C-alpha atoms as a PDB file:
ATOM      1  CA  MET A   1      38.840 -59.158  47.923  1.00  0.00           C
ATOM      2  CA  LYS A   2      37.813 -56.542  45.411  1.00  0.00           C
ATOM      3  CA  LEU A   3      34.627 -54.573  44.906  1.00  0.00           C
ATOM      4  CA  PHE A   4      33.757 -52.844  41.635  1.00  0.00           C
ATOM      5  CA  ILE A   5      31.077 -50.150  41.722  1.00  0.00           C
ATOM      6  CA  ILE A   6      29.460 -49.878  38.285  1.00  0.00           C
ATOM      7  CA  SER A   7      27.578 -46.673  37.559  1.00  0.00           C
ATOM      8  CA  GLY A   8      26.775 -44.336  34.709  1.00  0.00           C
ATOM      9  CA  LEU A   9      24.040 -43.093  32.425  1.00  0.00           C
ATOM     10  CA  SER A  10      21.032 -45.289  31.668  1.00  0.00           C
ATOM     11  CA  GLY A  11      21.554 -46.815  28.238  1.00  0.00           C
ATOM     12  CA  SER A  12      25.352 -46.588  28.390  1.00  0.00           C
ATOM     13  CA  GLY A  13      25.895 -50.305  29.061  1.00  0.00           C
ATOM     14  CA  LYS A  14      25.872 -50.813  32.845  1.00  0.00           C
ATOM     15  CA  SER A  15      23.766 -53.966  32.667  1.00  0.00           C
ATOM     16  CA  THR A  16      26.065 -55.422  30.011  1.00  0.00           C
ATOM     17  CA  VAL A  17      29.074 -54.845  32.247  1.00  0.00           C
ATOM     18  CA  LEU A  18      27.412 -56.583  35.185  1.00  0.00           C
ATOM     19  CA  HIS A  19      26.405 -59.532  32.999  1.00  0.00           C
ATOM     20  CA  VAL A  20      29.969 -59.937  31.724  1.00  0.00           C
ATOM     21  CA  LEU A  21      31.389 -59.817  35.248  1.00  0.00           C
ATOM     22  CA  GLU A  22      28.821 -62.322  36.463  1.00  0.00           C
ATOM     23  CA  ASP A  23      29.758 -64.672  33.617  1.00  0.00           C
ATOM     24  CA  ILE A  24      33.423 -64.655  34.681  1.00  0.00           C
ATOM     25  CA  GLY A  25      32.598 -65.443  38.310  1.00  0.00           C
ATOM     26  CA  PHE A  26      31.894 -62.144  40.064  1.00  0.00           C
ATOM     27  CA  PHE A  27      29.121 -61.881  42.658  1.00  0.00           C
ATOM     28  CA  CYS A  28      26.917 -59.136  41.173  1.00  0.00           C
ATOM     29  CA  ILE A  29      24.072 -56.998  42.485  1.00  0.00           C
ATOM     30  CA  ASP A  30      22.253 -54.476  40.316  1.00  0.00           C
ATOM     31  CA  ASN A  31      20.690 -51.255  41.616  1.00  0.00           C
ATOM     32  CA  LEU A  32      22.030 -51.477  45.157  1.00  0.00           C
ATOM     33  CA  PRO A  33      20.937 -48.521  47.299  1.00  0.00           C
ATOM     34  CA  ILE A  34      23.944 -46.418  48.275  1.00  0.00           C
ATOM     35  CA  SER A  35      22.778 -46.502  51.896  1.00  0.00           C
ATOM     36  CA  LEU A  36      23.442 -50.268  51.886  1.00  0.00           C
ATOM     37  CA  LEU A  37      26.861 -50.098  50.248  1.00  0.00           C
ATOM     38  CA  ALA A  38      28.845 -49.987  53.493  1.00  0.00           C
ATOM     39  CA  ASN A  39      26.822 -52.882  54.920  1.00  0.00           C
ATOM     40  CA  PHE A  40      27.462 -54.987  51.826  1.00  0.00           C
ATOM     41  CA  ALA A  41      31.182 -54.189  51.950  1.00  0.00           C
ATOM     42  CA  GLY A  42      31.242 -55.240  55.596  1.00  0.00           C
ATOM     43  CA  GLN A  43      29.582 -58.512  54.706  1.00  0.00           C
ATOM     44  CA  MET A  44      32.187 -59.108  51.998  1.00  0.00           C
ATOM     45  CA  VAL A  45      35.035 -58.695  54.463  1.00  0.00           C
ATOM     46  CA  SER A  46      33.455 -60.783  57.228  1.00  0.00           C
ATOM     47  CA  THR A  47      32.184 -63.689  55.111  1.00  0.00           C
ATOM     48  CA  PRO A  48      34.532 -66.689  55.231  1.00  0.00           C
ATOM     49  CA  GLU A  49      35.780 -68.833  52.349  1.00  0.00           C
ATOM     50  CA  HIS A  50      36.065 -65.868  49.999  1.00  0.00           C
ATOM     51  CA  PHE A  51      32.429 -66.091  48.908  1.00  0.00           C
ATOM     52  CA  TYR A  52      32.584 -62.433  47.869  1.00  0.00           C
ATOM     53  CA  GLU A  53      36.206 -62.450  46.707  1.00  0.00           C
ATOM     54  CA  TYR A  54      35.204 -60.567  43.561  1.00  0.00           C
ATOM     55  CA  ALA A  55      32.001 -58.553  43.622  1.00  0.00           C
ATOM     56  CA  ALA A  56      30.362 -55.822  41.563  1.00  0.00           C
ATOM     57  CA  VAL A  57      27.394 -53.647  42.402  1.00  0.00           C
ATOM     58  CA  GLY A  58      25.395 -51.431  40.090  1.00  0.00           C
ATOM     59  CA  ILE A  59      24.448 -48.006  41.414  1.00  0.00           C
ATOM     60  CA  ASP A  60      22.311 -45.635  39.389  1.00  0.00           C
ATOM     61  CA  ALA A  61      20.362 -42.403  39.721  1.00  0.00           C
ATOM     62  CA  ARG A  62      17.384 -44.107  41.349  1.00  0.00           C
ATOM     63  CA  ASN A  63      18.932 -43.349  44.732  1.00  0.00           C
ATOM     64  CA  ARG A  64      17.952 -40.506  46.992  1.00  0.00           C
ATOM     65  CA  SER A  65      19.769 -37.357  45.949  1.00  0.00           C
ATOM     66  CA  GLU A  66      21.082 -37.002  49.513  1.00  0.00           C
ATOM     67  CA  ASP A  67      22.666 -40.448  49.308  1.00  0.00           C
ATOM     68  CA  LEU A  68      24.224 -39.690  45.927  1.00  0.00           C
ATOM     69  CA  LYS A  69      25.834 -36.574  47.405  1.00  0.00           C
ATOM     70  CA  ARG A  70      27.230 -38.693  50.240  1.00  0.00           C
ATOM     71  CA  PHE A  71      28.835 -41.181  47.849  1.00  0.00           C
ATOM     72  CA  PRO A  72      32.392 -39.699  48.041  1.00  0.00           C
ATOM     73  CA  ALA A  73      32.376 -39.952  51.834  1.00  0.00           C
ATOM     74  CA  ILE A  74      31.018 -43.512  51.767  1.00  0.00           C
ATOM     75  CA  LEU A  75      33.626 -44.519  49.174  1.00  0.00           C
ATOM     76  CA  SER A  76      36.403 -42.983  51.250  1.00  0.00           C
ATOM     77  CA  GLY A  77      35.303 -45.118  54.186  1.00  0.00           C
ATOM     78  CA  LEU A  78      35.375 -48.267  52.055  1.00  0.00           C
ATOM     79  CA  ARG A  79      38.834 -47.512  50.722  1.00  0.00           C
ATOM     80  CA  SER A  80      40.205 -46.950  54.216  1.00  0.00           C
ATOM     81  CA  SER A  81      39.267 -50.527  55.099  1.00  0.00           C
ATOM     82  CA  SER A  82      40.953 -53.692  53.874  1.00  0.00           C
ATOM     83  CA  LEU A  83      38.671 -53.830  50.831  1.00  0.00           C
ATOM     84  CA  ALA A  84      40.039 -52.893  47.412  1.00  0.00           C
ATOM     85  CA  CYS A  85      37.419 -50.782  45.691  1.00  0.00           C
ATOM     86  CA  GLU A  86      37.191 -49.326  42.160  1.00  0.00           C
ATOM     87  CA  VAL A  87      34.534 -47.190  40.502  1.00  0.00           C
ATOM     88  CA  VAL A  88      33.668 -47.698  36.834  1.00  0.00           C
ATOM     89  CA  PHE A  89      31.559 -44.999  35.158  1.00  0.00           C
ATOM     90  CA  LEU A  90      29.916 -45.549  31.769  1.00  0.00           C
ATOM     91  CA  ASP A  91      28.785 -42.680  29.592  1.00  0.00           C
ATOM     92  CA  ALA A  92      27.532 -41.877  26.092  1.00  0.00           C
ATOM     93  CA  ASP A  93      26.623 -38.643  24.358  1.00  0.00           C
ATOM     94  CA  ASP A  94      23.035 -37.424  24.558  1.00  0.00           C
ATOM     95  CA  ASN A  95      22.209 -38.148  20.905  1.00  0.00           C
ATOM     96  CA  THR A  96      23.361 -41.750  21.278  1.00  0.00           C
ATOM     97  CA  LEU A  97      21.320 -42.229  24.459  1.00  0.00           C
ATOM     98  CA  LEU A  98      18.232 -40.724  22.823  1.00  0.00           C
ATOM     99  CA  LYS A  99      18.661 -43.055  19.855  1.00  0.00           C
ATOM    100  CA  ARG A 100      19.125 -46.132  22.034  1.00  0.00           C
ATOM    101  CA  PHE A 101      16.009 -45.440  24.072  1.00  0.00           C
ATOM    102  CA  SER A 102      14.030 -44.729  20.908  1.00  0.00           C
ATOM    103  CA  GLU A 103      15.173 -47.961  19.264  1.00  0.00           C
ATOM    104  CA  THR A 104      14.479 -50.157  22.293  1.00  0.00           C
ATOM    105  CA  ARG A 105      11.347 -48.227  23.323  1.00  0.00           C
ATOM    106  CA  ARG A 106      12.441 -48.544  26.926  1.00  0.00           C
ATOM    107  CA  LYS A 107      11.368 -45.984  29.494  1.00  0.00           C
ATOM    108  CA  HIS A 108      14.100 -43.934  31.094  1.00  0.00           C
ATOM    109  CA  PRO A 109      14.023 -44.496  34.873  1.00  0.00           C
ATOM    110  CA  LEU A 110      13.757 -40.753  35.549  1.00  0.00           C
ATOM    111  CA  SER A 111      11.277 -39.803  32.826  1.00  0.00           C
ATOM    112  CA  LYS A 112       7.733 -38.932  33.849  1.00  0.00           C
ATOM    113  CA  GLU A 113       4.712 -37.333  32.260  1.00  0.00           C
ATOM    114  CA  ASN A 114       6.127 -33.870  32.880  1.00  0.00           C
ATOM    115  CA  ILE A 115       9.795 -34.813  32.202  1.00  0.00           C
ATOM    116  CA  SER A 116      10.901 -35.542  28.638  1.00  0.00           C
ATOM    117  CA  LEU A 117      13.591 -38.086  27.761  1.00  0.00           C
ATOM    118  CA  ALA A 118      16.124 -35.345  27.035  1.00  0.00           C
ATOM    119  CA  GLU A 119      15.356 -33.672  30.371  1.00  0.00           C
ATOM    120  CA  ALA A 120      15.645 -37.012  32.180  1.00  0.00           C
ATOM    121  CA  ILE A 121      19.112 -37.604  30.703  1.00  0.00           C
ATOM    122  CA  LYS A 122      20.223 -34.126  31.757  1.00  0.00           C
ATOM    123  CA  LEU A 123      18.875 -34.656  35.280  1.00  0.00           C
ATOM    124  CA  GLU A 124      20.592 -38.034  35.514  1.00  0.00           C
ATOM    125  CA  ARG A 125      23.955 -36.486  34.620  1.00  0.00           C
ATOM    126  CA  GLN A 126      23.550 -33.954  37.406  1.00  0.00           C
ATOM    127  CA  LEU A 127      22.565 -36.571  39.990  1.00  0.00           C
ATOM    128  CA  LEU A 128      25.485 -38.856  39.118  1.00  0.00           C
ATOM    129  CA  GLU A 129      28.189 -36.179  39.206  1.00  0.00           C
ATOM    130  CA  PRO A 130      29.458 -37.231  42.679  1.00  0.00           C
ATOM    131  CA  ILE A 131      30.063 -40.766  41.368  1.00  0.00           C
ATOM    132  CA  PHE A 132      31.528 -39.548  38.060  1.00  0.00           C
ATOM    133  CA  HIS A 133      34.204 -37.528  39.855  1.00  0.00           C
ATOM    134  CA  GLU A 134      35.279 -40.584  41.892  1.00  0.00           C
ATOM    135  CA  ALA A 135      35.631 -42.939  38.913  1.00  0.00           C
ATOM    136  CA  ASN A 136      38.847 -44.914  38.442  1.00  0.00           C
ATOM    137  CA  LEU A 137      37.769 -45.958  34.966  1.00  0.00           C
ATOM    138  CA  TYR A 138      35.651 -43.914  32.554  1.00  0.00           C
ATOM    139  CA  LEU A 139      34.169 -45.709  29.541  1.00  0.00           C
ATOM    140  CA  GLN A 140      32.654 -43.742  26.663  1.00  0.00           C
ATOM    141  CA  THR A 141      30.349 -46.111  24.769  1.00  0.00           C
ATOM    142  CA  SER A 142      28.859 -43.810  22.123  1.00  0.00           C
ATOM    143  CA  HIS A 143      30.722 -45.659  19.349  1.00  0.00           C
ATOM    144  CA  THR A 144      30.966 -49.041  21.081  1.00  0.00           C
ATOM    145  CA  ASN A 145      28.649 -51.927  20.282  1.00  0.00           C
ATOM    146  CA  LEU A 146      27.658 -54.753  22.603  1.00  0.00           C
ATOM    147  CA  HIS A 147      30.426 -57.138  21.563  1.00  0.00           C
ATOM    148  CA  GLN A 148      33.105 -54.447  21.748  1.00  0.00           C
ATOM    149  CA  LEU A 149      32.009 -53.445  25.254  1.00  0.00           C
ATOM    150  CA  ARG A 150      32.171 -57.066  26.390  1.00  0.00           C
ATOM    151  CA  ASP A 151      35.732 -57.391  25.082  1.00  0.00           C
ATOM    152  CA  MET A 152      36.698 -54.126  26.729  1.00  0.00           C
ATOM    153  CA  ILE A 153      35.398 -55.262  30.113  1.00  0.00           C
ATOM    154  CA  LYS A 154      37.153 -58.625  29.876  1.00  0.00           C
ATOM    155  CA  VAL A 155      40.430 -56.794  29.280  1.00  0.00           C
ATOM    156  CA  ARG A 156      40.079 -54.012  31.815  1.00  0.00           C
ATOM    157  CA  LEU A 157      38.319 -55.688  34.722  1.00  0.00           C
ATOM    158  CA  THR A 158      40.217 -58.952  34.711  1.00  0.00           C
ATOM    159  CA  LYS A 159      39.621 -61.337  37.602  1.00  0.00           C
ATOM    160  CA  SER A 160      43.180 -62.015  38.626  1.00  0.00           C
ATOM    161  CA  ASP A 161      45.509 -61.674  41.583  1.00  0.00           C
ATOM    162  CA  ASN A 162      48.725 -62.516  39.752  1.00  0.00           C
ATOM    163  CA  LYS A 163      49.383 -59.044  38.366  1.00  0.00           C
ATOM    164  CA  SER A 164      48.823 -60.315  34.828  1.00  0.00           C
ATOM    165  CA  LEU A 165      48.575 -57.668  32.139  1.00  0.00           C
ATOM    166  CA  SER A 166      46.095 -57.763  29.276  1.00  0.00           C
ATOM    167  CA  LEU A 167      46.717 -55.821  26.081  1.00  0.00           C
ATOM    168  CA  LEU A 168      44.028 -54.628  23.701  1.00  0.00           C
ATOM    169  CA  PHE A 169      45.229 -53.849  20.176  1.00  0.00           C
ATOM    170  CA  MET A 170      42.743 -51.899  18.033  1.00  0.00           C
ATOM    171  CA  SER A 171      42.797 -50.712  14.428  1.00  0.00           C
ATOM    172  CA  PHE A 172      40.544 -47.858  13.360  1.00  0.00           C
ATOM    173  CA  GLY A 173      39.917 -45.323  10.620  1.00  0.00           C
ATOM    174  CA  PHE A 174      40.394 -41.622  11.369  1.00  0.00           C
ATOM    175  CA  LYS A 175      37.542 -40.773   8.975  1.00  0.00           C
ATOM    176  CA  TYR A 176      35.149 -42.513  11.380  1.00  0.00           C
ATOM    177  CA  GLY A 177      36.390 -40.824  14.549  1.00  0.00           C
ATOM    178  CA  ILE A 178      39.162 -41.337  17.085  1.00  0.00           C
ATOM    179  CA  PRO A 179      38.522 -43.978  19.792  1.00  0.00           C
ATOM    180  CA  THR A 180      38.272 -42.418  23.238  1.00  0.00           C
ATOM    181  CA  ASP A 181      38.957 -45.344  25.565  1.00  0.00           C
ATOM    182  CA  VAL A 182      42.580 -46.098  24.658  1.00  0.00           C
ATOM    183  CA  ASP A 183      45.943 -45.405  26.261  1.00  0.00           C
ATOM    184  CA  PHE A 184      48.102 -44.877  23.162  1.00  0.00           C
ATOM    185  CA  ILE A 185      47.149 -43.825  19.627  1.00  0.00           C
ATOM    186  CA  PHE A 186      49.495 -44.060  16.641  1.00  0.00           C
ATOM    187  CA  ASP A 187      48.763 -42.362  13.313  1.00  0.00           C
ATOM    188  CA  VAL A 188      50.047 -44.321  10.302  1.00  0.00           C
ATOM    189  CA  ARG A 189      48.396 -42.280   7.530  1.00  0.00           C
ATOM    190  CA  CYS A 190      51.880 -41.258   6.356  1.00  0.00           C
ATOM    191  CA  LEU A 191      52.550 -44.794   5.120  1.00  0.00           C
ATOM    192  CA  PRO A 192      51.921 -45.958   1.525  1.00  0.00           C
ATOM    193  CA  ASN A 193      48.194 -46.565   1.103  1.00  0.00           C
ATOM    194  CA  PRO A 194      47.028 -49.804  -0.598  1.00  0.00           C
ATOM    195  CA  TYR A 195      43.654 -48.145  -1.209  1.00  0.00           C
ATOM    196  CA  TRP A 196      45.102 -46.279  -4.164  1.00  0.00           C
ATOM    197  CA  GLU A 197      46.053 -49.548  -5.847  1.00  0.00           C
ATOM    198  CA  PRO A 198      42.835 -50.609  -7.669  1.00  0.00           C
ATOM    199  CA  HIS A 199      43.527 -54.329  -7.303  1.00  0.00           C
ATOM    200  CA  LEU A 200      44.040 -53.955  -3.518  1.00  0.00           C
ATOM    201  CA  ARG A 201      41.124 -51.646  -2.715  1.00  0.00           C
ATOM    202  CA  ASP A 202      38.657 -54.408  -1.834  1.00  0.00           C
ATOM    203  CA  HIS A 203      41.178 -56.340   0.265  1.00  0.00           C
ATOM    204  CA  THR A 204      42.095 -55.694   3.914  1.00  0.00           C
ATOM    205  CA  GLY A 205      45.313 -55.764   5.895  1.00  0.00           C
ATOM    206  CA  LYS A 206      44.598 -59.413   6.645  1.00  0.00           C
ATOM    207  CA  ASP A 207      44.869 -60.444   3.003  1.00  0.00           C
ATOM    208  CA  GLN A 208      48.156 -61.595   1.484  1.00  0.00           C
ATOM    209  CA  PRO A 209      48.151 -59.140  -1.469  1.00  0.00           C
ATOM    210  CA  VAL A 210      47.974 -56.176   0.937  1.00  0.00           C
ATOM    211  CA  ILE A 211      50.529 -57.739   3.293  1.00  0.00           C
ATOM    212  CA  HIS A 212      52.917 -58.247   0.367  1.00  0.00           C
ATOM    213  CA  PHE A 213      52.415 -54.647  -0.786  1.00  0.00           C
ATOM    214  CA  LEU A 214      53.101 -53.180   2.675  1.00  0.00           C
ATOM    215  CA  GLU A 215      56.108 -55.367   3.419  1.00  0.00           C
ATOM    216  CA  LYS A 216      57.827 -54.064   0.298  1.00  0.00           C
ATOM    217  CA  HIS A 217      58.080 -50.568   1.839  1.00  0.00           C
ATOM    218  CA  ASP A 218      60.837 -49.814   4.338  1.00  0.00           C
ATOM    219  CA  THR A 219      58.763 -47.080   5.972  1.00  0.00           C
ATOM    220  CA  VAL A 220      56.152 -49.650   7.003  1.00  0.00           C
ATOM    221  CA  THR A 221      58.828 -51.808   8.618  1.00  0.00           C
ATOM    222  CA  GLU A 222      60.302 -48.774  10.369  1.00  0.00           C
ATOM    223  CA  MET A 223      56.899 -47.759  11.729  1.00  0.00           C
ATOM    224  CA  HIS A 224      56.239 -51.275  13.002  1.00  0.00           C
ATOM    225  CA  ASP A 225      59.636 -51.476  14.685  1.00  0.00           C
ATOM    226  CA  ASP A 226      59.274 -48.046  16.300  1.00  0.00           C
ATOM    227  CA  ILE A 227      55.858 -48.882  17.784  1.00  0.00           C
ATOM    228  CA  LYS A 228      57.078 -52.313  18.908  1.00  0.00           C
ATOM    229  CA  ASN A 229      60.177 -50.848  20.571  1.00  0.00           C
ATOM    230  CA  PHE A 230      58.111 -48.156  22.285  1.00  0.00           C
ATOM    231  CA  ALA A 231      55.702 -50.771  23.644  1.00  0.00           C
ATOM    232  CA  GLU A 232      58.465 -53.125  24.748  1.00  0.00           C
ATOM    233  CA  LYS A 233      60.128 -50.322  26.684  1.00  0.00           C
ATOM    234  CA  TRP A 234      57.064 -48.963  28.455  1.00  0.00           C
ATOM    235  CA  ILE A 235      54.752 -51.956  28.985  1.00  0.00           C
ATOM    236  CA  PRO A 236      56.885 -53.417  31.834  1.00  0.00           C
ATOM    237  CA  ARG A 237      57.069 -50.030  33.560  1.00  0.00           C
ATOM    238  CA  ILE A 238      53.322 -49.512  33.283  1.00  0.00           C
ATOM    239  CA  LYS A 239      52.703 -53.062  34.504  1.00  0.00           C
ATOM    240  CA  ALA A 240      54.884 -52.315  37.538  1.00  0.00           C
ATOM    241  CA  SER A 241      52.389 -49.616  38.550  1.00  0.00           C
ATOM    242  CA  ASP A 242      49.734 -52.339  39.111  1.00  0.00           C
ATOM    243  CA  ARG A 243      47.916 -51.787  35.829  1.00  0.00           C
ATOM    244  CA  THR A 244      46.052 -54.869  34.615  1.00  0.00           C
ATOM    245  CA  TYR A 245      45.159 -53.586  31.148  1.00  0.00           C
ATOM    246  CA  LEU A 246      46.643 -51.409  28.436  1.00  0.00           C
ATOM    247  CA  THR A 247      45.228 -50.390  25.072  1.00  0.00           C
ATOM    248  CA  PHE A 248      47.065 -49.528  21.865  1.00  0.00           C
ATOM    249  CA  ALA A 249      45.193 -48.091  18.879  1.00  0.00           C
ATOM    250  CA  ILE A 250      46.602 -47.637  15.380  1.00  0.00           C
ATOM    251  CA  GLY A 251      44.699 -45.554  12.862  1.00  0.00           C
ATOM    252  CA  CYS A 252      44.894 -45.076   9.125  1.00  0.00           C
ATOM    253  CA  THR A 253      42.422 -43.260   6.888  1.00  0.00           C
ATOM    254  CA  GLY A 254      39.735 -45.914   6.510  1.00  0.00           C
ATOM    255  CA  GLY A 255      40.852 -48.524   9.028  1.00  0.00           C
ATOM    256  CA  HIS A 256      40.958 -51.364   6.485  1.00  0.00           C
ATOM    257  CA  HIS A 257      44.561 -51.762   5.336  1.00  0.00           C
ATOM    258  CA  ARG A 258      47.618 -50.256   7.048  1.00  0.00           C
ATOM    259  CA  SER A 259      46.294 -50.175  10.607  1.00  0.00           C
ATOM    260  CA  VAL A 260      44.879 -53.715  10.342  1.00  0.00           C
ATOM    261  CA  TYR A 261      48.195 -55.087   9.088  1.00  0.00           C
ATOM    262  CA  LEU A 262      50.211 -53.422  11.860  1.00  0.00           C
ATOM    263  CA  ILE A 263      47.808 -54.406  14.635  1.00  0.00           C
ATOM    264  CA  ASP A 264      47.876 -58.053  13.581  1.00  0.00           C
ATOM    265  CA  LYS A 265      51.663 -58.056  13.364  1.00  0.00           C
ATOM    266  CA  LEU A 266      52.127 -56.386  16.760  1.00  0.00           C
ATOM    267  CA  SER A 267      49.542 -58.538  18.519  1.00  0.00           C
ATOM    268  CA  GLN A 268      51.229 -61.665  17.204  1.00  0.00           C
ATOM    269  CA  HIS A 269      54.550 -60.480  18.627  1.00  0.00           C
ATOM    270  CA  PHE A 270      53.215 -59.577  22.100  1.00  0.00           C
ATOM    271  CA  SER A 271      50.954 -62.628  22.428  1.00  0.00           C
ATOM    272  CA  LYS A 272      54.050 -64.589  23.481  1.00  0.00           C
ATOM    273  CA  HIS A 273      54.144 -62.739  26.814  1.00  0.00           C
ATOM    274  CA  TYR A 274      50.723 -61.142  27.470  1.00  0.00           C
ATOM    275  CA  ASN A 275      47.001 -61.777  27.258  1.00  0.00           C
ATOM    276  CA  ILE A 276      45.922 -60.258  23.950  1.00  0.00           C
ATOM    277  CA  ILE A 277      42.603 -59.086  22.545  1.00  0.00           C
ATOM    278  CA  VAL A 278      42.503 -57.776  18.976  1.00  0.00           C
ATOM    279  CA  ARG A 279      39.809 -55.471  17.583  1.00  0.00           C
ATOM    280  CA  HIS A 280      39.511 -54.188  14.044  1.00  0.00           C
ATOM    281  CA  ARG A 281      36.856 -51.542  14.569  1.00  0.00           C
ATOM    282  CA  GLU A 282      36.038 -50.771  10.971  1.00  0.00           C
ATOM    283  CA  LEU A 283      36.028 -54.429   9.898  1.00  0.00           C
ATOM    284  CA  GLU A 284      33.394 -55.206  12.536  1.00  0.00           C
END
């Protein structure tokens, strides 16, 4: 049995995470009072036929501040039982949260007539600090859209008991910012750039003209082999530490050519042995 506690800032994607988990067979409850968390965990353990074998509960700042402060002690009690328990905390920067609430015209759960949206976000961060510090997984969603978050959750919160390992391979462009929720980042801006070839500029690393151009250069092959050898050496050791997900990101300048080519080539190689999800951030 395993319980995931999903928390974080309003507007950061908590509801999306719960919906994804529900779709893959988790028993999910949103906005569970912290005071009932221990009771629910007890029910999970005592219910026969594994009805609650995989469960997720959403906990937000609409709890009593006293209960939020007691969260570390409650969590410690859960973890000392036979129940496996993980905390997932979602976050986004203030400007992103302000924009999301403005676009959806939703009311922040802590905003009132005398509390502005910006003040409500600041207050929420303070209230959720006890949960933030207990998180096993921190997800920054400022630059993550709905579909990307869904893929991320499917990789990282896999419903499996067989110690399977999922790998997420992501290409990106440094000019648009470095991804925050990855385990390894490789910079391939030193490689020959198809962008400077006028006839290749409008193509991507998925197109044969770009593939042909890159495969002509020994440095590209060397970079691919070095990253592949690094991954082959360390993936089994990381898997042995009970990790169920691992993310590799490769970045070039714009995220359209070199990084896309290498990600596709590496994902094809590792798909023979692992569950693979591929993301080309700048092509999306």
